[in-house]
Amino acid sequence: MNKANKIPDFLAMSQQLLKDLQSDAEIKGMEFIHSNFEKQGFTDNAFEAWKPRKESMSYNLLRVTNNLFNSINVASSTPERITFEADAPYASIHNEGGILNVPITERSRKYFWFMFKQTGKGMWRAMALTKKTRLTIKIDQRQFMGHSNTFSEDWNNHVTQEILTRFKNL
């Protein structure tokens, strides 16, 4: 049979396309989430920078140890849906924001005194001497993963381009 009369195996081509797109989605999704750490904000319809910390530090927000950054992975993956997760126990409070009620123990008071001696900041002294038994800490939302219209639009463009590229020269 000559090349002009050969009919392409569209089923096999479409199955391979789905498999490749699933892999592409995993990679592009991880790149998108990691880029939010680099940019220090989240892009949904537009980029929203994270609220800056109260005290200036030399390192990027949420990047002191990189434990949160490195805890992000693909939780499940099918051709229809890919789910990402962050394994770090504190991931959700950073991603969604919220309020923590932390008990003040003798151990924490010792830590506060230690920090006061190290830094000389009155804040640590006040925390060590407080009569309170619990601290209420407000954690600002610093979203790094979630639904993004920008990512969805970029992904749809990628899928369209892949289809056009693969079926163009048939």
C-alpha atoms as a PDB file:
ATOM      1  CA  MET A   1       0.000   0.000   0.000  1.00  0.00           C
ATOM      2  CA  ASN A   2       1.407   3.383  -0.868  1.00  0.00           C
ATOM      3  CA  LYS A   3       1.624   6.283   1.556  1.00  0.00           C
ATOM      4  CA  ALA A   4      -1.249   8.233  -0.051  1.00  0.00           C
ATOM      5  CA  ASN A   5      -3.756   5.403   0.589  1.00  0.00           C
ATOM      6  CA  LYS A   6      -2.708   4.663   4.177  1.00  0.00           C
ATOM      7  CA  ILE A   7      -5.316   5.755   6.744  1.00  0.00           C
ATOM      8  CA  PRO A   8      -3.866   7.020  10.025  1.00  0.00           C
ATOM      9  CA  ASP A   9      -4.815   5.213  13.215  1.00  0.00           C
ATOM     10  CA  PHE A  10      -6.766   8.072  14.784  1.00  0.00           C
ATOM     11  CA  LEU A  11      -7.703   6.052  17.870  1.00  0.00           C
ATOM     12  CA  ALA A  12      -4.068   5.308  18.705  1.00  0.00           C
ATOM     13  CA  MET A  13      -3.110   8.917  17.986  1.00  0.00           C
ATOM     14  CA  SER A  14      -5.819  10.275  20.275  1.00  0.00           C
ATOM     15  CA  GLN A  15      -4.899   7.845  23.062  1.00  0.00           C
ATOM     16  CA  GLN A  16      -1.250   8.905  22.823  1.00  0.00           C
ATOM     17  CA  LEU A  17      -2.324  12.566  22.824  1.00  0.00           C
ATOM     18  CA  LEU A  18      -4.348  12.052  26.038  1.00  0.00           C
ATOM     19  CA  LYS A  19      -1.416  10.298  27.694  1.00  0.00           C
ATOM     20  CA  ASP A  20       1.002  13.076  26.696  1.00  0.00           C
ATOM     21  CA  LEU A  21      -1.409  15.819  27.772  1.00  0.00           C
ATOM     22  CA  GLN A  22      -1.836  14.192  31.183  1.00  0.00           C
ATOM     23  CA  SER A  23       1.924  14.260  31.666  1.00  0.00           C
ATOM     24  CA  ASP A  24       2.097  17.857  30.367  1.00  0.00           C
ATOM     25  CA  ALA A  25      -0.654  18.913  32.783  1.00  0.00           C
ATOM     26  CA  GLU A  26       1.220  17.469  35.756  1.00  0.00           C
ATOM     27  CA  ILE A  27       4.402  19.300  34.763  1.00  0.00           C
ATOM     28  CA  LYS A  28       2.718  22.606  33.900  1.00  0.00           C
ATOM     29  CA  GLY A  29       0.621  22.495  37.087  1.00  0.00           C
ATOM     30  CA  MET A  30       3.701  22.011  39.264  1.00  0.00           C
ATOM     31  CA  GLU A  31       5.502  24.799  37.379  1.00  0.00           C
ATOM     32  CA  PHE A  32       2.529  27.129  37.934  1.00  0.00           C
ATOM     33  CA  ILE A  33       2.392  26.420  41.678  1.00  0.00           C
ATOM     34  CA  HIS A  34       6.148  26.777  42.072  1.00  0.00           C
ATOM     35  CA  SER A  35       6.127  30.038  40.094  1.00  0.00           C
ATOM     36  CA  ASN A  36       3.693  31.466  42.667  1.00  0.00           C
ATOM     37  CA  PHE A  37       6.405  31.006  45.293  1.00  0.00           C
ATOM     38  CA  GLU A  38       8.924  32.752  43.050  1.00  0.00           C
ATOM     39  CA  LYS A  39       6.575  35.674  42.290  1.00  0.00           C
ATOM     40  CA  GLN A  40       5.318  35.764  45.910  1.00  0.00           C
ATOM     41  CA  GLY A  41       1.681  35.912  44.925  1.00  0.00           C
ATOM     42  CA  PHE A  42      -1.124  34.052  43.152  1.00  0.00           C
ATOM     43  CA  THR A  43      -2.490  34.556  39.657  1.00  0.00           C
ATOM     44  CA  ASP A  44      -6.208  33.916  39.146  1.00  0.00           C
ATOM     45  CA  ASN A  45      -7.678  36.496  36.779  1.00  0.00           C
ATOM     46  CA  ALA A  46      -4.836  38.861  37.663  1.00  0.00           C
ATOM     47  CA  PHE A  47      -1.746  38.648  39.826  1.00  0.00           C
ATOM     48  CA  GLU A  48      -2.345  39.278  43.528  1.00  0.00           C
ATOM     49  CA  ALA A  49       0.839  39.774  45.547  1.00  0.00           C
ATOM     50  CA  TRP A  50       0.998  38.281  49.020  1.00  0.00           C
ATOM     51  CA  LYS A  51       0.661  40.691  51.895  1.00  0.00           C
ATOM     52  CA  PRO A  52       4.197  41.574  53.027  1.00  0.00           C
ATOM     53  CA  ARG A  53       5.422  40.452  56.426  1.00  0.00           C
ATOM     54  CA  LYS A  54       5.538  42.973  59.245  1.00  0.00           C
ATOM     55  CA  GLU A  55       9.274  42.685  59.758  1.00  0.00           C
ATOM     56  CA  SER A  56      11.726  42.842  56.875  1.00  0.00           C
ATOM     57  CA  MET A  57      13.664  39.634  56.334  1.00  0.00           C
ATOM     58  CA  SER A  58      16.304  38.731  53.763  1.00  0.00           C
ATOM     59  CA  TYR A  59      14.484  35.635  52.460  1.00  0.00           C
ATOM     60  CA  ASN A  60      11.303  35.253  50.402  1.00  0.00           C
ATOM     61  CA  LEU A  61       7.956  34.599  52.069  1.00  0.00           C
ATOM     62  CA  LEU A  62       7.208  30.894  52.700  1.00  0.00           C
ATOM     63  CA  ARG A  63      10.758  29.959  51.586  1.00  0.00           C
ATOM     64  CA  VAL A  64      12.833  29.811  54.799  1.00  0.00           C
ATOM     65  CA  THR A  65      13.331  26.032  54.741  1.00  0.00           C
ATOM     66  CA  ASN A  66      11.562  25.209  51.453  1.00  0.00           C
ATOM     67  CA  ASN A  67       9.632  22.451  53.275  1.00  0.00           C
ATOM     68  CA  LEU A  68       6.296  23.830  52.072  1.00  0.00           C
ATOM     69  CA  PHE A  69       7.609  24.348  48.533  1.00  0.00           C
ATOM     70  CA  ASN A  70       9.009  20.805  48.422  1.00  0.00           C
ATOM     71  CA  SER A  71       5.858  19.255  49.928  1.00  0.00           C
ATOM     72  CA  ILE A  72       3.806  20.003  46.800  1.00  0.00           C
ATOM     73  CA  ASN A  73       3.151  16.985  44.600  1.00  0.00           C
ATOM     74  CA  VAL A  74       0.582  15.296  42.387  1.00  0.00           C
ATOM     75  CA  ALA A  75      -1.969  13.604  44.673  1.00  0.00           C
ATOM     76  CA  SER A  76      -3.873  11.845  41.885  1.00  0.00           C
ATOM     77  CA  SER A  77      -3.779  11.867  38.129  1.00  0.00           C
ATOM     78  CA  THR A  78      -6.238  10.634  35.512  1.00  0.00           C
ATOM     79  CA  PRO A  79      -6.756  11.825  31.942  1.00  0.00           C
ATOM     80  CA  GLU A  80      -9.835  13.758  33.164  1.00  0.00           C
ATOM     81  CA  ARG A  81      -8.464  15.328  36.368  1.00  0.00           C
ATOM     82  CA  ILE A  82      -5.177  16.014  38.123  1.00  0.00           C
ATOM     83  CA  THR A  83      -5.095  16.914  41.804  1.00  0.00           C
ATOM     84  CA  PHE A  84      -2.160  18.590  43.509  1.00  0.00           C
ATOM     85  CA  GLU A  85      -1.534  18.603  47.249  1.00  0.00           C
ATOM     86  CA  ALA A  86       0.885  20.062  49.771  1.00  0.00           C
ATOM     87  CA  ASP A  87       1.827  17.515  52.459  1.00  0.00           C
ATOM     88  CA  ALA A  88       3.168  20.047  54.962  1.00  0.00           C
ATOM     89  CA  PRO A  89       0.851  20.204  58.003  1.00  0.00           C
ATOM     90  CA  TYR A  90       0.774  24.010  57.870  1.00  0.00           C
ATOM     91  CA  ALA A  91       0.071  24.262  54.113  1.00  0.00           C
ATOM     92  CA  SER A  92      -3.669  24.922  54.386  1.00  0.00           C
ATOM     93  CA  ILE A  93      -3.343  27.737  56.951  1.00  0.00           C
ATOM     94  CA  HIS A  94      -0.898  29.547  54.648  1.00  0.00           C
ATOM     95  CA  ASN A  95      -2.904  28.886  51.476  1.00  0.00           C
ATOM     96  CA  GLU A  96      -6.283  29.863  52.974  1.00  0.00           C
ATOM     97  CA  GLY A  97      -5.303  32.083  55.916  1.00  0.00           C
ATOM     98  CA  GLY A  98      -6.939  31.854  59.318  1.00  0.00           C
ATOM     99  CA  ILE A  99      -6.567  32.222  63.048  1.00  0.00           C
ATOM    100  CA  LEU A 100      -4.535  29.973  65.334  1.00  0.00           C
ATOM    101  CA  ASN A 101      -5.015  29.683  69.099  1.00  0.00           C
ATOM    102  CA  VAL A 102      -1.689  28.534  70.516  1.00  0.00           C
ATOM    103  CA  PRO A 103      -1.316  27.546  74.197  1.00  0.00           C
ATOM    104  CA  ILE A 104       1.478  29.244  76.131  1.00  0.00           C
ATOM    105  CA  THR A 105       3.439  26.573  77.998  1.00  0.00           C
ATOM    106  CA  GLU A 106       6.489  26.737  80.251  1.00  0.00           C
ATOM    107  CA  ARG A 107       8.541  25.560  77.295  1.00  0.00           C
ATOM    108  CA  SER A 108       7.250  28.386  75.096  1.00  0.00           C
ATOM    109  CA  ARG A 109       7.954  30.917  77.870  1.00  0.00           C
ATOM    110  CA  LYS A 110      11.563  29.656  78.017  1.00  0.00           C
ATOM    111  CA  TYR A 111      11.768  30.109  74.252  1.00  0.00           C
ATOM    112  CA  PHE A 112      10.409  33.663  74.527  1.00  0.00           C
ATOM    113  CA  TRP A 113      13.084  34.493  77.149  1.00  0.00           C
ATOM    114  CA  PHE A 114      15.747  32.941  74.936  1.00  0.00           C
ATOM    115  CA  MET A 115      14.610  35.068  71.973  1.00  0.00           C
ATOM    116  CA  PHE A 116      14.521  38.191  74.172  1.00  0.00           C
ATOM    117  CA  LYS A 117      18.130  37.574  75.222  1.00  0.00           C
ATOM    118  CA  GLN A 118      19.155  36.936  71.611  1.00  0.00           C
ATOM    119  CA  THR A 119      17.387  39.918  70.028  1.00  0.00           C
ATOM    120  CA  GLY A 120      16.729  42.357  72.868  1.00  0.00           C
ATOM    121  CA  LYS A 121      13.243  42.998  71.431  1.00  0.00           C
ATOM    122  CA  GLY A 122      10.613  43.892  74.001  1.00  0.00           C
ATOM    123  CA  MET A 123       8.004  41.842  72.127  1.00  0.00           C
ATOM    124  CA  TRP A 124       9.670  38.613  73.324  1.00  0.00           C
ATOM    125  CA  ARG A 125       9.862  39.867  76.904  1.00  0.00           C
ATOM    126  CA  ALA A 126       6.178  40.788  76.848  1.00  0.00           C
ATOM    127  CA  MET A 127       5.290  37.334  75.512  1.00  0.00           C
ATOM    128  CA  ALA A 128       7.352  35.655  78.248  1.00  0.00           C
ATOM    129  CA  LEU A 129       5.686  37.720  80.996  1.00  0.00           C
ATOM    130  CA  THR A 130       2.106  37.638  79.717  1.00  0.00           C
ATOM    131  CA  LYS A 131      -0.589  36.285  82.016  1.00  0.00           C
ATOM    132  CA  LYS A 132      -2.472  34.864  79.044  1.00  0.00           C
ATOM    133  CA  THR A 133      -2.622  31.109  78.639  1.00  0.00           C
ATOM    134  CA  ARG A 134      -3.227  31.232  74.867  1.00  0.00           C
ATOM    135  CA  LEU A 135      -1.983  33.388  72.008  1.00  0.00           C
ATOM    136  CA  THR A 136      -4.283  34.223  69.119  1.00  0.00           C
ATOM    137  CA  ILE A 137      -2.287  34.502  65.901  1.00  0.00           C
ATOM    138  CA  LYS A 138      -3.790  35.714  62.633  1.00  0.00           C
ATOM    139  CA  ILE A 139      -2.140  34.130  59.592  1.00  0.00           C
ATOM    140  CA  ASP A 140      -2.656  36.148  56.403  1.00  0.00           C
ATOM    141  CA  GLN A 141      -3.726  34.251  53.293  1.00  0.00           C
ATOM    142  CA  ARG A 142      -0.791  33.620  51.010  1.00  0.00           C
ATOM    143  CA  GLN A 143      -2.408  31.483  48.349  1.00  0.00           C
ATOM    144  CA  PHE A 144      -0.014  29.427  46.257  1.00  0.00           C
ATOM    145  CA  MET A 145      -2.379  26.815  44.819  1.00  0.00           C
ATOM    146  CA  GLY A 146      -6.014  26.645  43.789  1.00  0.00           C
ATOM    147  CA  HIS A 147      -8.186  27.260  40.742  1.00  0.00           C
ATOM    148  CA  SER A 148      -6.741  29.862  38.381  1.00  0.00           C
ATOM    149  CA  ASN A 149      -8.551  31.246  35.342  1.00  0.00           C
ATOM    150  CA  THR A 150      -5.220  32.352  33.877  1.00  0.00           C
ATOM    151  CA  PHE A 151      -3.774  28.848  34.175  1.00  0.00           C
ATOM    152  CA  SER A 152      -6.963  27.334  32.705  1.00  0.00           C
ATOM    153  CA  GLU A 153      -6.779  29.665  29.706  1.00  0.00           C
ATOM    154  CA  ASP A 154      -3.076  28.912  29.180  1.00  0.00           C
ATOM    155  CA  TRP A 155      -3.801  25.189  29.459  1.00  0.00           C
ATOM    156  CA  ASN A 156      -6.636  25.356  26.909  1.00  0.00           C
ATOM    157  CA  ASN A 157      -4.284  27.155  24.501  1.00  0.00           C
ATOM    158  CA  HIS A 158      -1.649  24.459  25.036  1.00  0.00           C
ATOM    159  CA  VAL A 159      -4.153  21.653  24.335  1.00  0.00           C
ATOM    160  CA  THR A 160      -5.405  23.376  21.182  1.00  0.00           C
ATOM    161  CA  GLN A 161      -1.828  23.870  19.956  1.00  0.00           C
ATOM    162  CA  GLU A 162      -0.949  20.213  20.619  1.00  0.00           C
ATOM    163  CA  ILE A 163      -3.994  19.000  18.673  1.00  0.00           C
ATOM    164  CA  LEU A 164      -3.247  21.282  15.743  1.00  0.00           C
ATOM    165  CA  THR A 165       0.420  20.264  15.688  1.00  0.00           C
ATOM    166  CA  ARG A 166      -0.240  16.536  15.773  1.00  0.00           C
ATOM    167  CA  PHE A 167      -3.036  16.418  13.236  1.00  0.00           C
ATOM    168  CA  LYS A 168      -1.741  19.125  10.900  1.00  0.00           C
ATOM    169  CA  ASN A 169       0.395  16.990   8.588  1.00  0.00           C
ATOM    170  CA  LEU A 170      -1.935  14.014   8.088  1.00  0.00           C
END
